[in-house]
Amino acid sequence: IEEIEAEFWRLVESPVAGRVVETLYGSDLDSGRHGSGFPLPPWRGPPTDAKSGMPLKLDARAHEYSRHAWNINNMPRGANSILRYVKCDELVTGVMVPWLYIGSCLSAFCWHIEDHALYSVNYLHTG
């Protein structure tokens, strides 16, 4: 990992003229459609198989995670979240439904101010 991080910073701080480094990056993907790495909570509807659309049965561990306060899908409805007072016909992606970001090795996500100056919570899944 130290070697990869060192290569990233070498490319950023001392780029070679005429040499292009390309990384792959996907942003603002709807986790309601693509998943978030966490099981959906009951208030989002029963989990279904992506191909068949048939309902899935959660095992005990997934059932527990589907209700856990640190499941990113539950945060907008948390007891201390102001977002639980937002009343709308559809869930707002990126606010009420987490967005998914995917990056290849050496890709970067820049510091920025979130829409409407809302706070941001991020999980880094590796695999």
N, C-alpha and C. Protein backbone atom coordinates (compact mmCIF):
# COMPACT_ATOMS: atom_id res chain seq x y z
N ILE A 1 0.83 -1.20 0.00
CA ILE A 1 0.00 0.00 0.00
C ILE A 1 0.87 1.25 0.00
N GLU A 2 1.96 1.22 0.75
CA GLU A 2 2.84 2.39 0.79
C GLU A 2 3.40 2.70 -0.60
N GLU A 3 3.72 1.66 -1.39
CA GLU A 3 4.25 1.86 -2.73
C GLU A 3 3.20 2.50 -3.65
N ILE A 4 1.96 2.06 -3.53
CA ILE A 4 0.89 2.62 -4.36
C ILE A 4 0.66 4.08 -4.00
N GLU A 5 0.64 4.38 -2.69
CA GLU A 5 0.44 5.77 -2.27
C GLU A 5 1.61 6.65 -2.73
N ALA A 6 2.82 6.13 -2.64
CA ALA A 6 3.99 6.89 -3.09
C ALA A 6 3.91 7.16 -4.59
N GLU A 7 3.46 6.18 -5.37
CA GLU A 7 3.31 6.38 -6.83
C GLU A 7 2.24 7.42 -7.13
N PHE A 8 1.14 7.39 -6.39
CA PHE A 8 0.08 8.39 -6.58
C PHE A 8 0.65 9.78 -6.40
N TRP A 9 1.33 10.02 -5.29
CA TRP A 9 1.85 11.36 -5.01
C TRP A 9 2.97 11.75 -5.96
N ARG A 10 3.77 10.78 -6.44
CA ARG A 10 4.79 11.09 -7.44
C ARG A 10 4.14 11.59 -8.72
N LEU A 11 3.05 10.92 -9.15
CA LEU A 11 2.34 11.34 -10.36
C LEU A 11 1.69 12.71 -10.20
N VAL A 12 1.18 13.01 -9.01
CA VAL A 12 0.53 14.30 -8.76
C VAL A 12 1.55 15.43 -8.68
N GLU A 13 2.64 15.19 -7.96
CA GLU A 13 3.59 16.26 -7.69
C GLU A 13 4.66 16.43 -8.76
N SER A 14 4.97 15.37 -9.51
CA SER A 14 6.03 15.44 -10.52
C SER A 14 5.61 14.73 -11.80
N PRO A 15 4.58 15.24 -12.46
CA PRO A 15 4.12 14.57 -13.69
C PRO A 15 5.19 14.64 -14.78
N VAL A 16 5.22 13.62 -15.61
CA VAL A 16 6.16 13.58 -16.73
C VAL A 16 5.48 14.21 -17.94
N ALA A 17 6.13 15.19 -18.53
CA ALA A 17 5.55 15.90 -19.68
C ALA A 17 5.25 14.92 -20.81
N GLY A 18 4.05 15.02 -21.36
CA GLY A 18 3.65 14.17 -22.47
C GLY A 18 3.15 12.79 -22.07
N ARG A 19 3.26 12.44 -20.81
CA ARG A 19 2.78 11.13 -20.35
C ARG A 19 1.42 11.30 -19.68
N VAL A 20 0.45 10.55 -20.15
CA VAL A 20 -0.91 10.63 -19.62
C VAL A 20 -1.17 9.40 -18.74
N VAL A 21 -1.71 9.64 -17.56
CA VAL A 21 -2.12 8.55 -16.68
C VAL A 21 -3.63 8.60 -16.60
N GLU A 22 -4.27 7.49 -16.91
CA GLU A 22 -5.73 7.45 -16.94
C GLU A 22 -6.24 6.50 -15.86
N THR A 23 -7.25 6.95 -15.12
CA THR A 23 -7.91 6.09 -14.14
C THR A 23 -9.39 6.05 -14.46
N LEU A 24 -10.05 5.06 -13.96
CA LEU A 24 -11.49 4.93 -14.17
C LEU A 24 -12.21 5.35 -12.90
N TYR A 25 -13.33 6.05 -13.08
CA TYR A 25 -14.06 6.58 -11.93
C TYR A 25 -15.53 6.71 -12.31
N GLY A 26 -16.40 6.28 -11.43
CA GLY A 26 -17.83 6.43 -11.63
C GLY A 26 -18.42 7.15 -10.44
N SER A 27 -19.27 8.13 -10.69
CA SER A 27 -19.82 8.91 -9.58
C SER A 27 -21.33 9.03 -9.66
N ASP A 28 -21.93 9.34 -8.52
CA ASP A 28 -23.36 9.60 -8.41
C ASP A 28 -24.22 8.43 -8.90
N LEU A 29 -23.78 7.20 -8.60
CA LEU A 29 -24.56 6.03 -8.97
C LEU A 29 -25.60 5.77 -7.88
N ASP A 30 -26.83 5.56 -8.27
CA ASP A 30 -27.94 5.36 -7.34
C ASP A 30 -27.78 4.01 -6.64
N SER A 31 -27.54 4.04 -5.34
CA SER A 31 -27.36 2.79 -4.59
C SER A 31 -28.65 2.00 -4.49
N GLY A 32 -29.79 2.66 -4.71
CA GLY A 32 -31.06 1.94 -4.74
C GLY A 32 -31.11 0.97 -5.92
N ARG A 33 -30.39 1.30 -6.96
CA ARG A 33 -30.35 0.44 -8.15
C ARG A 33 -29.13 -0.47 -8.16
N HIS A 34 -27.98 0.05 -7.72
CA HIS A 34 -26.72 -0.68 -7.82
C HIS A 34 -26.26 -1.30 -6.50
N GLY A 35 -26.92 -0.97 -5.40
CA GLY A 35 -26.50 -1.47 -4.08
C GLY A 35 -25.53 -0.52 -3.41
N SER A 36 -25.38 -0.69 -2.10
CA SER A 36 -24.50 0.19 -1.34
C SER A 36 -23.46 -0.58 -0.53
N GLY A 37 -23.53 -1.89 -0.57
CA GLY A 37 -22.66 -2.70 0.28
C GLY A 37 -23.33 -3.04 1.60
N PHE A 38 -24.51 -2.48 1.84
CA PHE A 38 -25.28 -2.74 3.05
C PHE A 38 -26.66 -3.24 2.66
N PRO A 39 -27.26 -4.13 3.46
CA PRO A 39 -28.63 -4.56 3.13
C PRO A 39 -29.61 -3.41 3.31
N LEU A 40 -30.64 -3.38 2.46
CA LEU A 40 -31.65 -2.32 2.56
C LEU A 40 -32.49 -2.51 3.81
N PRO A 41 -32.87 -1.42 4.46
CA PRO A 41 -33.72 -1.50 5.65
C PRO A 41 -35.16 -1.84 5.25
N PRO A 42 -35.94 -2.32 6.19
CA PRO A 42 -37.32 -2.69 5.89
C PRO A 42 -38.15 -1.55 5.29
N TRP A 43 -37.92 -0.31 5.70
CA TRP A 43 -38.72 0.81 5.19
C TRP A 43 -38.46 1.09 3.71
N ARG A 44 -37.38 0.52 3.15
CA ARG A 44 -37.10 0.68 1.73
C ARG A 44 -37.73 -0.44 0.90
N GLY A 45 -38.44 -1.36 1.55
CA GLY A 45 -39.09 -2.46 0.83
C GLY A 45 -38.28 -3.74 0.98
N PRO A 46 -38.89 -4.86 0.67
CA PRO A 46 -38.17 -6.13 0.82
C PRO A 46 -37.05 -6.26 -0.20
N PRO A 47 -35.93 -6.89 0.19
CA PRO A 47 -34.84 -7.08 -0.77
C PRO A 47 -35.27 -8.04 -1.87
N THR A 48 -34.83 -7.75 -3.09
CA THR A 48 -35.19 -8.61 -4.22
C THR A 48 -33.96 -9.00 -5.00
N ASP A 49 -34.05 -10.12 -5.70
CA ASP A 49 -32.98 -10.59 -6.57
C ASP A 49 -32.92 -9.66 -7.78
N ALA A 50 -31.70 -9.20 -8.14
CA ALA A 50 -31.53 -8.23 -9.22
C ALA A 50 -32.01 -8.77 -10.57
N LYS A 51 -31.85 -10.06 -10.80
CA LYS A 51 -32.21 -10.62 -12.11
C LYS A 51 -33.68 -11.01 -12.17
N SER A 52 -34.15 -11.74 -11.17
CA SER A 52 -35.51 -12.27 -11.23
C SER A 52 -36.56 -11.34 -10.64
N GLY A 53 -36.12 -10.43 -9.75
CA GLY A 53 -37.07 -9.56 -9.07
C GLY A 53 -37.81 -10.26 -7.94
N MET A 54 -37.45 -11.50 -7.67
CA MET A 54 -38.10 -12.26 -6.60
C MET A 54 -37.58 -11.82 -5.23
N PRO A 55 -38.45 -11.84 -4.21
CA PRO A 55 -38.01 -11.45 -2.86
C PRO A 55 -36.91 -12.38 -2.34
N LEU A 56 -35.97 -11.80 -1.60
CA LEU A 56 -34.90 -12.56 -0.97
C LEU A 56 -35.14 -12.64 0.52
N LYS A 57 -34.73 -13.73 1.12
CA LYS A 57 -34.82 -13.88 2.57
C LYS A 57 -33.45 -13.55 3.16
N LEU A 58 -33.44 -12.62 4.09
CA LEU A 58 -32.19 -12.23 4.74
C LEU A 58 -31.82 -13.22 5.84
N ASP A 59 -30.54 -13.57 5.94
CA ASP A 59 -30.11 -14.39 7.07
C ASP A 59 -30.07 -13.49 8.32
N ALA A 60 -29.82 -14.07 9.47
CA ALA A 60 -29.89 -13.33 10.75
C ALA A 60 -28.92 -12.15 10.77
N ARG A 61 -27.72 -12.34 10.24
CA ARG A 61 -26.72 -11.26 10.26
C ARG A 61 -27.14 -10.10 9.35
N ALA A 62 -27.59 -10.42 8.13
CA ALA A 62 -28.04 -9.38 7.20
C ALA A 62 -29.27 -8.67 7.76
N HIS A 63 -30.15 -9.41 8.41
CA HIS A 63 -31.34 -8.82 9.02
C HIS A 63 -30.93 -7.80 10.09
N GLU A 64 -29.94 -8.16 10.91
CA GLU A 64 -29.44 -7.24 11.94
C GLU A 64 -28.82 -5.99 11.29
N TYR A 65 -27.98 -6.18 10.26
CA TYR A 65 -27.36 -5.04 9.57
C TYR A 65 -28.39 -4.16 8.86
N SER A 66 -29.48 -4.74 8.41
CA SER A 66 -30.49 -3.94 7.70
C SER A 66 -31.13 -2.91 8.62
N ARG A 67 -31.06 -3.13 9.91
CA ARG A 67 -31.67 -2.22 10.89
C ARG A 67 -30.65 -1.40 11.68
N HIS A 68 -29.37 -1.67 11.47
CA HIS A 68 -28.32 -1.04 12.28
C HIS A 68 -28.22 0.46 11.99
N ALA A 69 -27.97 1.25 13.02
CA ALA A 69 -27.89 2.71 12.88
C ALA A 69 -26.75 3.15 11.97
N TRP A 70 -25.66 2.36 11.89
CA TRP A 70 -24.53 2.73 11.04
C TRP A 70 -24.66 2.20 9.62
N ASN A 71 -25.76 1.53 9.30
CA ASN A 71 -26.04 1.18 7.91
C ASN A 71 -26.35 2.49 7.21
N ILE A 72 -25.57 2.83 6.20
CA ILE A 72 -25.68 4.14 5.54
C ILE A 72 -27.08 4.39 4.98
N ASN A 73 -27.84 3.32 4.70
CA ASN A 73 -29.22 3.48 4.20
C ASN A 73 -30.18 3.94 5.29
N ASN A 74 -29.82 3.75 6.56
CA ASN A 74 -30.69 4.12 7.68
C ASN A 74 -30.44 5.53 8.21
N MET A 75 -29.32 6.11 7.88
CA MET A 75 -28.95 7.40 8.47
C MET A 75 -29.97 8.52 8.24
N PRO A 76 -30.58 8.63 7.07
CA PRO A 76 -31.57 9.71 6.89
C PRO A 76 -32.80 9.57 7.78
N ARG A 77 -33.07 8.37 8.25
CA ARG A 77 -34.23 8.14 9.11
C ARG A 77 -33.84 7.97 10.57
N GLY A 78 -32.59 8.23 10.91
CA GLY A 78 -32.11 8.08 12.27
C GLY A 78 -32.80 9.03 13.24
N ALA A 79 -32.84 8.66 14.51
CA ALA A 79 -33.54 9.44 15.53
C ALA A 79 -33.02 10.88 15.62
N ASN A 80 -31.73 11.09 15.37
CA ASN A 80 -31.14 12.43 15.49
C ASN A 80 -30.91 13.11 14.14
N SER A 81 -31.48 12.57 13.08
CA SER A 81 -31.28 13.14 11.75
C SER A 81 -32.40 14.11 11.40
N ILE A 82 -32.03 15.30 10.98
CA ILE A 82 -33.04 16.26 10.55
C ILE A 82 -33.70 15.80 9.25
N LEU A 83 -33.03 14.93 8.50
CA LEU A 83 -33.59 14.45 7.24
C LEU A 83 -34.85 13.61 7.43
N ARG A 84 -35.07 13.09 8.63
CA ARG A 84 -36.29 12.29 8.84
C ARG A 84 -37.55 13.16 8.79
N TYR A 85 -37.37 14.48 8.84
CA TYR A 85 -38.51 15.38 8.75
C TYR A 85 -38.81 15.81 7.31
N VAL A 86 -37.97 15.41 6.37
CA VAL A 86 -38.20 15.75 4.96
C VAL A 86 -39.35 14.89 4.46
N LYS A 87 -40.38 15.53 4.02
CA LYS A 87 -41.55 14.83 3.50
C LYS A 87 -41.61 15.04 1.99
N CYS A 88 -41.55 13.95 1.24
CA CYS A 88 -41.63 14.05 -0.22
C CYS A 88 -42.17 12.73 -0.76
N ASP A 89 -42.69 12.78 -1.98
CA ASP A 89 -43.26 11.59 -2.59
C ASP A 89 -42.19 10.57 -2.96
N GLU A 90 -41.02 11.05 -3.35
CA GLU A 90 -39.93 10.17 -3.73
C GLU A 90 -38.69 10.50 -2.90
N LEU A 91 -37.88 9.48 -2.63
CA LEU A 91 -36.64 9.70 -1.90
C LEU A 91 -35.65 10.45 -2.79
N VAL A 92 -34.96 11.42 -2.22
CA VAL A 92 -34.00 12.23 -2.96
C VAL A 92 -32.66 11.50 -3.00
N THR A 93 -32.24 11.08 -4.22
CA THR A 93 -30.96 10.38 -4.31
C THR A 93 -29.83 11.33 -3.96
N GLY A 94 -28.83 10.81 -3.29
CA GLY A 94 -27.70 11.61 -2.85
C GLY A 94 -27.95 12.29 -1.51
N VAL A 95 -29.20 12.30 -1.07
CA VAL A 95 -29.55 12.87 0.24
C VAL A 95 -30.24 11.80 1.08
N MET A 96 -31.37 11.30 0.60
CA MET A 96 -32.12 10.25 1.32
C MET A 96 -31.69 8.84 0.90
N VAL A 97 -31.14 8.73 -0.29
CA VAL A 97 -30.63 7.46 -0.81
C VAL A 97 -29.15 7.68 -1.11
N PRO A 98 -28.27 6.87 -0.51
CA PRO A 98 -26.84 7.10 -0.73
C PRO A 98 -26.44 6.96 -2.20
N TRP A 99 -25.44 7.72 -2.59
CA TRP A 99 -24.83 7.56 -3.90
C TRP A 99 -23.62 6.67 -3.76
N LEU A 100 -23.30 6.00 -4.82
CA LEU A 100 -22.16 5.09 -4.86
C LEU A 100 -21.11 5.69 -5.79
N TYR A 101 -19.87 5.64 -5.35
CA TYR A 101 -18.74 6.13 -6.15
C TYR A 101 -17.76 4.97 -6.30
N ILE A 102 -17.28 4.75 -7.51
CA ILE A 102 -16.36 3.65 -7.78
C ILE A 102 -15.13 4.22 -8.46
N GLY A 103 -13.97 3.85 -7.96
CA GLY A 103 -12.73 4.33 -8.56
C GLY A 103 -11.71 3.22 -8.68
N SER A 104 -10.91 3.30 -9.74
CA SER A 104 -9.83 2.34 -9.92
C SER A 104 -8.60 2.82 -9.15
N CYS A 105 -7.58 2.01 -9.15
CA CYS A 105 -6.34 2.36 -8.48
C CYS A 105 -5.82 3.70 -8.99
N LEU A 106 -5.42 4.57 -8.10
CA LEU A 106 -4.88 5.91 -8.34
C LEU A 106 -5.93 6.96 -8.67
N SER A 107 -7.23 6.60 -8.66
CA SER A 107 -8.25 7.64 -8.85
C SER A 107 -8.39 8.42 -7.54
N ALA A 108 -8.95 9.62 -7.64
CA ALA A 108 -9.06 10.48 -6.46
C ALA A 108 -10.43 11.15 -6.42
N PHE A 109 -10.87 11.47 -5.24
CA PHE A 109 -12.12 12.19 -5.03
C PHE A 109 -11.76 13.47 -4.30
N CYS A 110 -12.04 14.60 -4.91
CA CYS A 110 -11.59 15.89 -4.38
C CYS A 110 -12.43 16.38 -3.20
N TRP A 111 -11.80 17.12 -2.32
CA TRP A 111 -12.50 17.81 -1.26
C TRP A 111 -13.46 18.81 -1.88
N HIS A 112 -14.64 18.95 -1.30
CA HIS A 112 -15.62 19.88 -1.85
C HIS A 112 -16.70 20.16 -0.80
N ILE A 113 -17.52 21.15 -1.08
CA ILE A 113 -18.68 21.45 -0.23
C ILE A 113 -19.87 20.72 -0.83
N GLU A 114 -20.59 20.00 0.01
CA GLU A 114 -21.75 19.23 -0.45
C GLU A 114 -22.91 20.15 -0.83
N ASP A 115 -23.81 19.63 -1.67
CA ASP A 115 -25.01 20.38 -2.04
C ASP A 115 -25.75 20.84 -0.79
N HIS A 116 -26.24 22.05 -0.80
CA HIS A 116 -27.00 22.64 0.31
C HIS A 116 -26.21 22.65 1.61
N ALA A 117 -24.88 22.53 1.52
CA ALA A 117 -23.97 22.53 2.66
C ALA A 117 -24.30 21.42 3.67
N LEU A 118 -24.88 20.33 3.17
CA LEU A 118 -25.16 19.19 4.04
C LEU A 118 -23.87 18.45 4.37
N TYR A 119 -23.88 17.72 5.48
CA TYR A 119 -22.74 16.90 5.84
C TYR A 119 -22.69 15.67 4.96
N SER A 120 -21.55 15.01 4.96
CA SER A 120 -21.36 13.81 4.15
C SER A 120 -20.82 12.69 5.02
N VAL A 121 -21.27 11.48 4.75
CA VAL A 121 -20.74 10.28 5.40
C VAL A 121 -20.26 9.37 4.30
N ASN A 122 -19.04 8.84 4.44
CA ASN A 122 -18.48 7.98 3.42
C ASN A 122 -17.96 6.68 4.04
N TYR A 123 -18.14 5.62 3.30
CA TYR A 123 -17.56 4.33 3.66
C TYR A 123 -16.61 3.95 2.54
N LEU A 124 -15.47 3.37 2.91
CA LEU A 124 -14.55 2.88 1.91
C LEU A 124 -14.61 1.36 1.93
N HIS A 125 -15.20 0.78 0.88
CA HIS A 125 -15.26 -0.66 0.73
C HIS A 125 -14.10 -1.06 -0.18
N THR A 126 -13.39 -2.08 0.18
CA THR A 126 -12.32 -2.57 -0.68
C THR A 126 -12.61 -4.01 -1.05
N GLY A 127 -12.02 -4.45 -2.11
CA GLY A 127 -12.24 -5.83 -2.49
C GLY A 127 -11.52 -6.17 -3.75
